[in-house]
Amino acid sequence: MENFLEGVDDLIVSYNDNIGVYLLLALLIPTGIYFTIKFKFLQFTRIGHSFKIISGKYDKKSDTGDINHFRALTTALSATIGTGNIVGVALAIYFGGPGAIFWMWITGFLGMILKFAECTLSTKFRKVHKDGSISGGPMYYMEIALKDKIGFFAKILAVVFAGATILCSLGTGNMAQSHSMADVIYTNYNIPMWISGLVISLIVLLVIVGGIKRIAEVTSKLVPIMAVAYFIGAITVIFLLSDKIPHAFYLIFHDAFTGTAATGGFFGSAFILTITWGVRRGLFSNEAGQGSAAIAHAAAKTKYPAREGLVASVGPLIDTIIICTITALVIILTDAWSTGIQGVGMTVEGFSRGLSTIGLGSVGRHIVAGGLLLFAFSTIISWSYYGTRAAEYLFGEKWIKPYRYFYGLFVFLGSIWGIELVWHFVDMVITFMTIPNLIALLLLAPVVSKEIKYYFSEMKKQE
């Protein structure tokens, strides 16, 4: 069995290193730049309006949908604010050096407009069931909106995306999260990983059987709490070491184009290694262009697709630009990145070193452990919804309940499998979702433009 898993891992790594990452680089960044210019930097110029929508200013109970704008955002954020913000940032720095953070920022900024586009389309082409519940996501706008453009291939693209979503829900949103949770519990409290995995899987099942409304109810409470607690801990470390901030940013900008990785001590890494790890972990963090968040945002109560797109555009700002950056600063300011520690241990080391200056070094590991547990748990329950929507699309409603139990099993398996295989699998399946979605976004750019013009013309009438 061990030899078989090693063989599978080798194949996955070969695909990731020689095919997948270059396809992402060729599509993700150019598409983000194209949309940013085409839509006149909408993600920045309309950000104030986006926050007004999130605050509930335009909420109407009579609008079609399952959840309000705020809950749609927190559900999507709970799926993205996870191990990518703690473990993913550490891995990016470990393999790509501090410069990888610069490329995470680029992925985040461009991701704002990509998320706007995909969530606008997902809301426009969502499916409303007889009971009023919603199913939406890229598979629907691929099948419906692309049919006239590419015919039968539209359905093929939709099926590929939905299949990849199921794989990604088991990898990105499930195994990577449960493994990180079990690992941090074992590291900090010496509880065997199989026991943690069993408990986590049972708790997850208790939540996800309630569907999107229960998931949204839980995440709308968890996301603000976990974000604030982690933010306070990180900001404390950054404040204590504020004199080193200029040098930290120097390392990030300098190494973005030269490359200095922590792997094996110190050695110069190629520019391509730095950019690929930054983009990989940036995409894993905010999922922009991947199309997953569009499934959650499609459930929002709104009559204007572009309105929900604006709400969605805030996601990468919070997730990658803010939360990933404060994690990176903790790691860089404390020199934890030069210790050679890999994964969550690097982040724990950063918090412990930083807080030790005020005699609270032992508190650092509890902050990271608590943050990681809440972040990862919320990601697991949100991704269960994405997987069920994809399963419903491919196989019908009767498969929703069996899929949830299947999903619970993978929570347990992820907790006991090796970290390298899990993360390599995650990188692979992300490309299977992202590439079809980016192709669809490019083909449907004119539809997004029409929705933007229509929405803001309606807003002018209401002023």
Protein backbone atom coordinates (compact mmCIF):
# COMPACT_ATOMS: atom_id res chain seq x y z
CA MET A 1 0.00 0.00 0.00
CA GLU A 2 2.83 2.36 0.89
CA ASN A 3 4.54 1.77 -2.47
CA PHE A 4 1.26 2.34 -4.28
CA LEU A 5 0.69 5.68 -2.51
CA GLU A 6 4.26 6.74 -3.29
CA GLY A 7 3.68 5.94 -6.97
CA VAL A 8 0.45 7.95 -7.00
CA ASP A 9 2.20 10.82 -5.26
CA ASP A 10 5.01 10.81 -7.84
CA LEU A 11 2.49 11.03 -10.70
CA ILE A 12 0.64 13.89 -9.02
CA VAL A 13 3.87 15.81 -8.35
CA SER A 14 4.96 15.33 -11.96
CA TYR A 15 1.66 16.81 -13.20
CA ASN A 16 1.79 19.70 -10.73
CA ASP A 17 5.39 20.65 -11.49
CA ASN A 18 5.39 20.18 -15.25
CA ILE A 19 1.84 20.90 -16.41
CA GLY A 20 -0.63 22.23 -13.85
CA VAL A 21 1.34 25.15 -12.46
CA TYR A 22 2.25 26.48 -15.92
CA LEU A 23 -1.36 26.27 -17.10
CA LEU A 24 -2.36 28.32 -14.05
CA LEU A 25 0.33 30.92 -14.67
CA ALA A 26 -0.64 31.17 -18.35
CA LEU A 27 -4.32 31.72 -17.57
CA LEU A 28 -4.86 33.08 -14.05
CA ILE A 29 -2.70 36.21 -13.99
CA PRO A 30 -3.36 37.31 -17.64
CA THR A 31 -7.13 36.81 -17.18
CA GLY A 32 -7.07 38.82 -13.97
CA ILE A 33 -5.16 41.66 -15.64
CA TYR A 34 -7.51 41.61 -18.64
CA PHE A 35 -10.63 41.80 -16.46
CA THR A 36 -9.13 44.51 -14.24
CA ILE A 37 -8.54 46.71 -17.29
CA LYS A 38 -11.78 45.77 -19.08
CA PHE A 39 -13.93 46.52 -16.03
CA LYS A 40 -11.95 49.68 -15.19
CA PHE A 41 -10.49 48.53 -11.83
CA LEU A 42 -14.01 47.90 -10.52
CA GLN A 43 -12.72 45.90 -7.53
CA PHE A 44 -11.11 49.09 -6.17
CA THR A 45 -13.32 51.93 -7.42
CA ARG A 46 -16.53 50.35 -6.10
CA ILE A 47 -15.23 48.86 -2.88
CA GLY A 48 -17.16 51.38 -0.74
CA HIS A 49 -20.39 50.33 -2.44
CA SER A 50 -19.48 46.68 -1.82
CA PHE A 51 -19.26 47.25 1.93
CA LYS A 52 -22.63 49.05 1.91
CA ILE A 53 -24.18 45.96 0.34
CA ILE A 54 -22.54 43.68 2.91
CA SER A 55 -23.82 45.89 5.75
CA GLY A 56 -27.37 45.05 4.69
CA LYS A 57 -28.33 48.41 3.17
CA TYR A 58 -29.92 46.78 0.13
CA ASP A 59 -31.23 43.56 1.73
CA LYS A 60 -34.82 42.60 0.88
CA LYS A 61 -36.46 39.50 2.31
CA SER A 62 -38.66 39.23 -0.77
CA ASP A 63 -35.68 38.78 -3.11
CA THR A 64 -35.04 35.31 -4.52
CA GLY A 65 -32.39 33.33 -2.63
CA ASP A 66 -31.61 31.35 0.51
CA ILE A 67 -29.35 33.68 2.52
CA ASN A 68 -28.54 37.40 2.76
CA HIS A 69 -25.41 39.07 1.35
CA PHE A 70 -23.48 38.97 4.63
CA ARG A 71 -24.10 35.27 5.17
CA ALA A 72 -23.21 34.48 1.56
CA LEU A 73 -19.90 36.27 2.08
CA THR A 74 -19.15 34.60 5.44
CA THR A 75 -20.00 31.19 4.00
CA ALA A 76 -17.63 31.78 1.09
CA LEU A 77 -14.98 33.26 3.41
CA SER A 78 -15.25 30.35 5.80
CA ALA A 79 -14.36 28.09 2.88
CA THR A 80 -11.32 30.18 1.97
CA ILE A 81 -10.10 31.30 5.41
CA GLY A 82 -8.55 28.02 6.41
CA THR A 83 -5.23 26.25 6.43
CA GLY A 84 -4.14 28.36 3.47
CA ASN A 85 -3.87 31.35 5.79
CA ILE A 86 -1.74 29.54 8.36
CA VAL A 87 -0.15 26.44 6.82
CA GLY A 88 -0.28 27.61 3.19
CA VAL A 89 1.55 30.86 3.90
CA ALA A 90 4.24 28.97 5.82
CA LEU A 91 4.66 26.48 2.96
CA ALA A 92 4.88 29.28 0.40
CA ILE A 93 7.68 30.92 2.38
CA TYR A 94 9.39 27.58 3.08
CA PHE A 95 9.61 26.63 -0.59
CA GLY A 96 9.54 30.02 -2.31
CA GLY A 97 11.03 32.39 0.27
CA PRO A 98 9.54 35.70 1.49
CA GLY A 99 9.14 36.81 -2.12
CA ALA A 100 6.34 34.28 -2.59
CA ILE A 101 4.15 36.60 -0.50
CA PHE A 102 4.39 39.28 -3.20
CA TRP A 103 2.92 36.83 -5.71
CA MET A 104 0.24 35.86 -3.22
CA TRP A 105 -0.71 39.57 -3.13
CA ILE A 106 -0.85 39.73 -6.93
CA THR A 107 -3.08 36.65 -6.95
CA GLY A 108 -5.27 38.32 -4.30
CA PHE A 109 -5.64 41.68 -6.08
CA LEU A 110 -6.41 40.05 -9.42
CA GLY A 111 -8.57 37.51 -7.63
CA MET A 112 -10.93 40.27 -6.51
CA ILE A 113 -12.06 40.95 -10.08
CA LEU A 114 -12.12 37.26 -11.01
CA LYS A 115 -14.37 36.53 -8.05
CA PHE A 116 -16.61 39.43 -9.04
CA ALA A 117 -17.00 38.00 -12.54
CA GLU A 118 -17.62 34.38 -11.57
CA CYS A 119 -20.10 35.25 -8.80
CA THR A 120 -22.00 37.67 -11.03
CA LEU A 121 -22.41 34.94 -13.64
CA SER A 122 -23.26 32.31 -11.05
CA THR A 123 -26.06 34.46 -9.62
CA LYS A 124 -27.42 35.30 -13.07
CA PHE A 125 -27.61 31.69 -14.26
CA ARG A 126 -28.54 29.98 -10.99
CA LYS A 127 -31.29 27.37 -10.78
CA VAL A 128 -34.32 28.04 -8.55
CA HIS A 129 -36.04 24.86 -7.32
CA LYS A 130 -39.78 24.46 -6.74
CA ASP A 131 -39.31 24.87 -2.98
CA GLY A 132 -37.46 28.15 -3.54
CA SER A 133 -34.00 26.78 -2.74
CA ILE A 134 -31.07 27.65 -4.99
CA SER A 135 -28.43 25.70 -6.90
CA GLY A 136 -25.75 27.66 -8.69
CA GLY A 137 -22.13 27.74 -9.70
CA PRO A 138 -19.90 27.73 -12.77
CA MET A 139 -21.33 24.42 -14.01
CA TYR A 140 -24.66 26.19 -14.57
CA TYR A 141 -23.30 29.23 -16.41
CA MET A 142 -21.05 26.95 -18.45
CA GLU A 143 -23.95 24.78 -19.59
CA ILE A 144 -26.53 27.55 -20.08
CA ALA A 145 -24.58 30.62 -21.21
CA LEU A 146 -21.93 28.85 -23.29
CA LYS A 147 -24.32 26.60 -25.19
CA ASP A 148 -24.75 29.08 -28.05
CA LYS A 149 -21.01 29.76 -28.21
CA ILE A 150 -19.44 26.30 -28.08
CA GLY A 151 -22.40 23.92 -28.39
CA PHE A 152 -21.99 20.44 -26.92
CA PHE A 153 -18.60 21.35 -25.45
CA ALA A 154 -20.39 23.62 -22.97
CA LYS A 155 -21.89 20.57 -21.27
CA ILE A 156 -18.52 18.79 -21.30
CA LEU A 157 -16.89 21.80 -19.66
CA ALA A 158 -19.64 21.90 -17.01
CA VAL A 159 -19.30 18.18 -16.25
CA VAL A 160 -15.51 18.46 -15.96
CA PHE A 161 -15.88 21.39 -13.58
CA ALA A 162 -18.51 19.65 -11.43
CA GLY A 163 -16.43 16.48 -11.26
CA ALA A 164 -13.38 18.50 -10.28
CA THR A 165 -15.45 20.30 -7.64
CA ILE A 166 -16.25 16.98 -5.99
CA LEU A 167 -12.56 16.03 -6.01
CA CYS A 168 -11.63 19.46 -4.72
CA SER A 169 -14.21 19.30 -1.94
CA LEU A 170 -12.58 16.09 -0.78
CA GLY A 171 -9.06 17.51 -1.11
CA THR A 172 -8.92 21.30 -0.70
CA GLY A 173 -11.93 21.64 1.57
CA ASN A 174 -11.64 18.38 3.43
CA MET A 175 -8.46 16.31 3.73
CA ALA A 176 -6.06 19.27 3.78
CA GLN A 177 -8.11 20.86 6.54
CA SER A 178 -8.72 17.77 8.70
CA HIS A 179 -5.07 16.75 8.48
CA SER A 180 -3.95 20.18 9.63
CA MET A 181 -6.45 20.09 12.50
CA ALA A 182 -5.39 16.62 13.66
CA ASP A 183 -1.73 17.55 13.26
CA VAL A 184 -1.94 20.72 15.36
CA ILE A 185 -3.93 18.87 18.06
CA TYR A 186 -1.28 16.13 18.17
CA THR A 187 1.61 18.63 18.14
CA ASN A 188 0.18 20.79 20.92
CA TYR A 189 -1.78 18.33 23.05
CA ASN A 190 -0.38 14.88 22.11
CA ILE A 191 -3.80 13.47 21.17
CA PRO A 192 -3.49 10.70 18.52
CA MET A 193 -4.49 11.92 15.07
CA TRP A 194 -7.00 9.11 14.47
CA ILE A 195 -8.93 10.08 17.58
CA SER A 196 -9.05 13.74 16.53
CA GLY A 197 -10.08 12.71 13.03
CA LEU A 198 -12.94 10.59 14.33
CA VAL A 199 -14.27 13.36 16.58
CA ILE A 200 -13.94 16.03 13.87
CA SER A 201 -15.74 13.89 11.28
CA LEU A 202 -18.67 13.29 13.65
CA ILE A 203 -19.02 17.00 14.46
CA VAL A 204 -18.86 17.89 10.76
CA LEU A 205 -21.67 15.45 9.96
CA LEU A 206 -23.86 16.97 12.68
CA VAL A 207 -23.54 20.39 11.01
CA ILE A 208 -23.67 19.62 7.29
CA VAL A 209 -26.84 17.51 7.34
CA GLY A 210 -28.72 20.80 7.86
CA GLY A 211 -27.74 22.16 4.42
CA ILE A 212 -26.79 25.71 3.42
CA LYS A 213 -28.97 27.49 5.99
CA ARG A 214 -27.41 25.69 8.96
CA ILE A 215 -23.94 26.01 7.44
CA ALA A 216 -24.48 29.76 6.91
CA GLU A 217 -25.78 30.13 10.47
CA VAL A 218 -22.66 28.46 11.91
CA THR A 219 -20.16 30.23 9.65
CA SER A 220 -21.71 33.67 10.17
CA LYS A 221 -20.81 33.28 13.85
CA LEU A 222 -17.51 31.43 13.51
CA VAL A 223 -15.85 33.60 10.84
CA PRO A 224 -15.93 36.94 12.71
CA ILE A 225 -14.85 35.31 16.00
CA MET A 226 -11.97 33.35 14.54
CA ALA A 227 -10.77 36.20 12.35
CA VAL A 228 -10.73 38.72 15.22
CA ALA A 229 -8.97 36.37 17.68
CA TYR A 230 -6.26 35.42 15.21
CA PHE A 231 -5.93 39.02 14.03
CA ILE A 232 -5.37 40.33 17.58
CA GLY A 233 -2.68 37.73 18.29
CA ALA A 234 -0.84 38.44 15.04
CA ILE A 235 -1.11 42.22 15.35
CA THR A 236 0.35 41.99 18.84
CA VAL A 237 3.44 40.23 17.49
CA ILE A 238 3.74 42.70 14.60
CA PHE A 239 3.44 45.66 17.00
CA LEU A 240 6.12 44.23 19.32
CA LEU A 241 8.52 43.86 16.38
CA SER A 242 7.40 46.92 14.42
CA ASP A 243 10.97 48.17 14.05
CA LYS A 244 11.65 45.22 11.72
CA ILE A 245 8.68 45.86 9.41
CA PRO A 246 10.64 47.86 6.79
CA HIS A 247 13.17 45.04 6.44
CA ALA A 248 10.39 42.47 6.19
CA PHE A 249 8.81 44.31 3.25
CA TYR A 250 12.25 44.72 1.70
CA LEU A 251 12.68 40.93 1.79
CA ILE A 252 9.25 40.37 0.25
CA PHE A 253 9.75 42.80 -2.65
CA HIS A 254 13.42 41.97 -3.23
CA ASP A 255 13.00 38.20 -3.13
CA ALA A 256 9.92 38.31 -5.34
CA PHE A 257 12.28 38.67 -8.31
CA THR A 258 15.38 36.90 -6.99
CA GLY A 259 14.13 34.10 -4.77
CA THR A 260 15.44 32.92 -1.41
CA ALA A 261 13.88 29.77 0.00
CA ALA A 262 14.22 28.28 3.45
CA THR A 263 14.31 24.69 2.24
CA GLY A 264 17.43 22.87 3.36
CA GLY A 265 18.71 25.92 5.24
CA PHE A 266 19.43 28.65 2.70
CA PHE A 267 19.91 28.55 -1.00
CA GLY A 268 18.90 30.72 -3.90
CA SER A 269 15.75 29.49 -5.57
CA ALA A 270 14.83 30.30 -9.14
CA PHE A 271 12.39 33.10 -9.83
CA ILE A 272 9.90 30.60 -11.21
CA LEU A 273 9.91 28.68 -7.90
CA THR A 274 9.05 31.82 -5.98
CA ILE A 275 6.24 32.90 -8.29
CA THR A 276 4.74 29.43 -8.61
CA TRP A 277 4.60 28.90 -4.85
CA GLY A 278 3.11 32.34 -4.38
CA VAL A 279 0.42 31.74 -7.00
CA ARG A 280 -0.28 28.19 -5.81
CA ARG A 281 -0.76 29.15 -2.20
CA GLY A 282 -2.50 32.41 -3.12
CA LEU A 283 -5.05 30.50 -5.17
CA PHE A 284 -5.45 27.90 -2.43
CA SER A 285 -6.06 30.72 0.03
CA ASN A 286 -8.69 32.77 -1.82
CA GLU A 287 -9.92 30.35 -4.52
CA ALA A 288 -10.49 33.26 -6.94
CA GLY A 289 -10.83 31.99 -10.49
CA GLN A 290 -11.44 28.52 -9.13
CA GLY A 291 -15.20 29.06 -9.12
CA SER A 292 -15.94 27.49 -5.75
CA ALA A 293 -17.13 30.67 -3.98
CA ALA A 294 -19.58 31.27 -6.82
CA ILE A 295 -21.54 28.25 -5.59
CA ALA A 296 -22.12 29.90 -2.18
CA HIS A 297 -22.76 33.39 -3.55
CA ALA A 298 -25.37 32.05 -5.98
CA ALA A 299 -27.58 31.34 -2.94
CA ALA A 300 -27.73 35.04 -1.95
CA LYS A 301 -31.01 36.95 -1.83
CA THR A 302 -30.72 39.50 -4.64
CA LYS A 303 -32.31 40.56 -7.91
CA TYR A 304 -29.05 41.98 -9.30
CA PRO A 305 -26.27 39.50 -10.18
CA ALA A 306 -23.61 42.25 -10.22
CA ARG A 307 -24.56 43.23 -6.67
CA GLU A 308 -23.58 39.82 -5.37
CA GLY A 309 -20.46 39.95 -7.54
CA LEU A 310 -19.40 43.11 -5.70
CA VAL A 311 -19.93 41.37 -2.35
CA ALA A 312 -17.80 38.46 -3.53
CA SER A 313 -14.95 40.74 -4.66
CA VAL A 314 -14.27 41.64 -1.02
CA GLY A 315 -13.37 38.02 -0.22
CA PRO A 316 -9.79 37.96 -1.55
CA LEU A 317 -9.13 41.36 0.09
CA ILE A 318 -9.96 39.98 3.54
CA ASP A 319 -8.52 36.54 2.99
CA THR A 320 -5.28 37.01 1.07
CA ILE A 321 -4.37 40.68 1.33
CA ILE A 322 -5.11 41.03 5.05
CA ILE A 323 -5.06 37.67 6.86
CA CYS A 324 -2.30 35.99 4.80
CA THR A 325 -0.17 39.13 5.09
CA ILE A 326 -0.31 39.28 8.87
CA THR A 327 0.64 35.59 9.06
CA ALA A 328 3.56 36.21 6.71
CA LEU A 329 4.74 39.20 8.74
CA VAL A 330 4.71 37.17 11.96
CA ILE A 331 6.86 34.50 10.29
CA ILE A 332 9.28 36.95 8.68
CA LEU A 333 9.59 39.44 11.56
CA THR A 334 10.46 36.67 14.02
CA ASP A 335 12.87 34.96 11.58
CA ALA A 336 10.82 31.78 11.99
CA TRP A 337 11.12 31.31 8.22
CA SER A 338 14.85 30.65 8.55
CA THR A 339 14.46 27.82 11.08
CA GLY A 340 13.86 25.12 8.48
CA ILE A 341 10.58 24.15 10.16
CA GLN A 342 7.90 23.17 7.66
CA GLY A 343 4.14 23.75 7.70
CA VAL A 344 2.14 24.84 10.71
CA GLY A 345 5.22 24.48 12.93
CA MET A 346 6.74 27.53 11.26
CA THR A 347 3.71 29.65 12.10
CA VAL A 348 3.64 28.33 15.67
CA GLU A 349 7.33 29.18 16.00
CA GLY A 350 6.67 32.71 14.76
CA PHE A 351 3.88 33.37 17.26
CA SER A 352 5.85 31.79 20.11
CA ARG A 353 8.97 33.84 19.37
CA GLY A 354 7.02 37.06 19.00
CA LEU A 355 4.94 36.70 22.16
CA SER A 356 7.93 35.48 24.19
CA THR A 357 9.15 39.10 24.23
CA ILE A 358 6.35 39.82 26.70
CA GLY A 359 6.55 36.48 28.50
CA LEU A 360 3.66 34.85 26.62
CA GLY A 361 5.62 32.54 24.34
CA SER A 362 3.62 29.47 25.38
CA VAL A 363 0.39 31.28 24.45
CA GLY A 364 1.51 31.48 20.82
CA ARG A 365 0.95 27.82 20.07
CA HIS A 366 -2.57 27.99 21.53
CA ILE A 367 -3.44 31.00 19.35
CA VAL A 368 -2.28 29.17 16.23
CA ALA A 369 -3.96 25.94 17.31
CA GLY A 370 -7.26 27.68 18.08
CA GLY A 371 -7.16 29.75 14.90
CA LEU A 372 -6.31 26.76 12.77
CA LEU A 373 -9.01 24.59 14.31
CA LEU A 374 -11.72 27.19 13.76
CA PHE A 375 -10.45 28.20 10.30
CA ALA A 376 -10.16 24.62 9.09
CA PHE A 377 -13.47 23.46 10.60
CA SER A 378 -15.40 26.29 8.95
CA THR A 379 -13.70 25.45 5.64
CA ILE A 380 -14.70 21.80 5.90
CA ILE A 381 -18.39 22.53 6.50
CA SER A 382 -18.57 25.15 3.73
CA TRP A 383 -16.86 22.92 1.17
CA SER A 384 -19.36 20.19 1.96
CA TYR A 385 -21.99 22.47 0.43
CA TYR A 386 -19.91 22.96 -2.72
CA GLY A 387 -19.50 19.22 -3.08
CA THR A 388 -23.21 18.51 -2.62
CA ARG A 389 -24.15 21.09 -5.27
CA ALA A 390 -21.73 19.46 -7.71
CA ALA A 391 -23.02 15.98 -6.83
CA GLU A 392 -26.59 17.19 -7.34
CA TYR A 393 -25.67 18.65 -10.73
CA LEU A 394 -24.04 15.43 -11.92
CA PHE A 395 -26.21 12.75 -10.32
CA GLY A 396 -29.41 14.38 -9.04
CA GLU A 397 -30.82 15.32 -5.64
CA LYS A 398 -30.92 11.71 -4.41
CA TRP A 399 -27.12 11.74 -4.15
CA ILE A 400 -26.92 14.69 -1.76
CA LYS A 401 -27.40 12.72 1.46
CA PRO A 402 -25.04 9.82 0.52
CA TYR A 403 -22.42 12.36 -0.51
CA ARG A 404 -22.52 14.00 2.92
CA TYR A 405 -21.69 10.70 4.63
CA PHE A 406 -18.99 9.99 2.05
CA TYR A 407 -17.61 13.45 2.78
CA GLY A 408 -17.53 12.68 6.51
CA LEU A 409 -15.45 9.55 5.80
CA PHE A 410 -12.86 11.64 3.94
CA VAL A 411 -12.60 14.00 6.91
CA PHE A 412 -11.33 11.02 8.89
CA LEU A 413 -9.05 9.73 6.10
CA GLY A 414 -7.47 13.16 5.67
CA SER A 415 -6.56 13.29 9.34
CA ILE A 416 -4.47 10.11 9.16
CA TRP A 417 -2.88 10.36 5.70
CA GLY A 418 0.53 11.92 5.09
CA ILE A 419 0.69 15.68 4.60
CA GLU A 420 2.73 15.62 1.38
CA LEU A 421 0.27 13.42 -0.53
CA VAL A 422 -2.66 15.52 0.71
CA TRP A 423 -1.15 18.84 -0.36
CA HIS A 424 0.04 17.49 -3.72
CA PHE A 425 -3.48 16.16 -4.39
CA VAL A 426 -4.91 19.58 -3.44
CA ASP A 427 -2.67 21.40 -5.93
CA MET A 428 -3.67 19.01 -8.70
CA VAL A 429 -7.45 19.15 -8.30
CA ILE A 430 -7.42 22.96 -7.97
CA THR A 431 -6.20 23.17 -11.58
CA PHE A 432 -9.02 20.86 -12.71
CA MET A 433 -11.54 23.43 -11.46
CA THR A 434 -9.68 26.63 -12.27
CA ILE A 435 -8.75 26.05 -15.89
CA PRO A 436 -12.29 25.25 -17.17
CA ASN A 437 -13.67 28.15 -15.13
CA LEU A 438 -11.17 30.69 -16.48
CA ILE A 439 -11.96 29.59 -20.04
CA ALA A 440 -15.67 30.13 -19.35
CA LEU A 441 -15.04 33.55 -17.76
CA LEU A 442 -13.12 34.75 -20.81
CA LEU A 443 -15.87 33.61 -23.16
CA LEU A 444 -18.57 35.24 -21.03
CA ALA A 445 -16.84 38.57 -20.38
CA PRO A 446 -19.42 40.46 -22.54
CA VAL A 447 -22.24 39.10 -20.32
CA VAL A 448 -20.48 40.43 -17.21
CA SER A 449 -20.06 43.84 -18.87
CA LYS A 450 -23.80 44.04 -19.56
CA GLU A 451 -24.61 43.15 -15.97
CA ILE A 452 -22.30 45.90 -14.68
CA LYS A 453 -23.91 48.54 -16.90
CA TYR A 454 -27.42 47.40 -16.01
CA TYR A 455 -26.79 47.34 -12.26
CA PHE A 456 -25.25 50.77 -11.96
CA SER A 457 -27.85 52.32 -14.26
CA GLU A 458 -30.52 50.91 -11.90
CA MET A 459 -28.63 52.32 -8.90
CA LYS A 460 -28.65 55.78 -10.48
CA LYS A 461 -32.44 55.60 -10.93
CA GLN A 462 -32.86 54.78 -7.24
CA GLU A 463 -30.66 57.63 -5.96
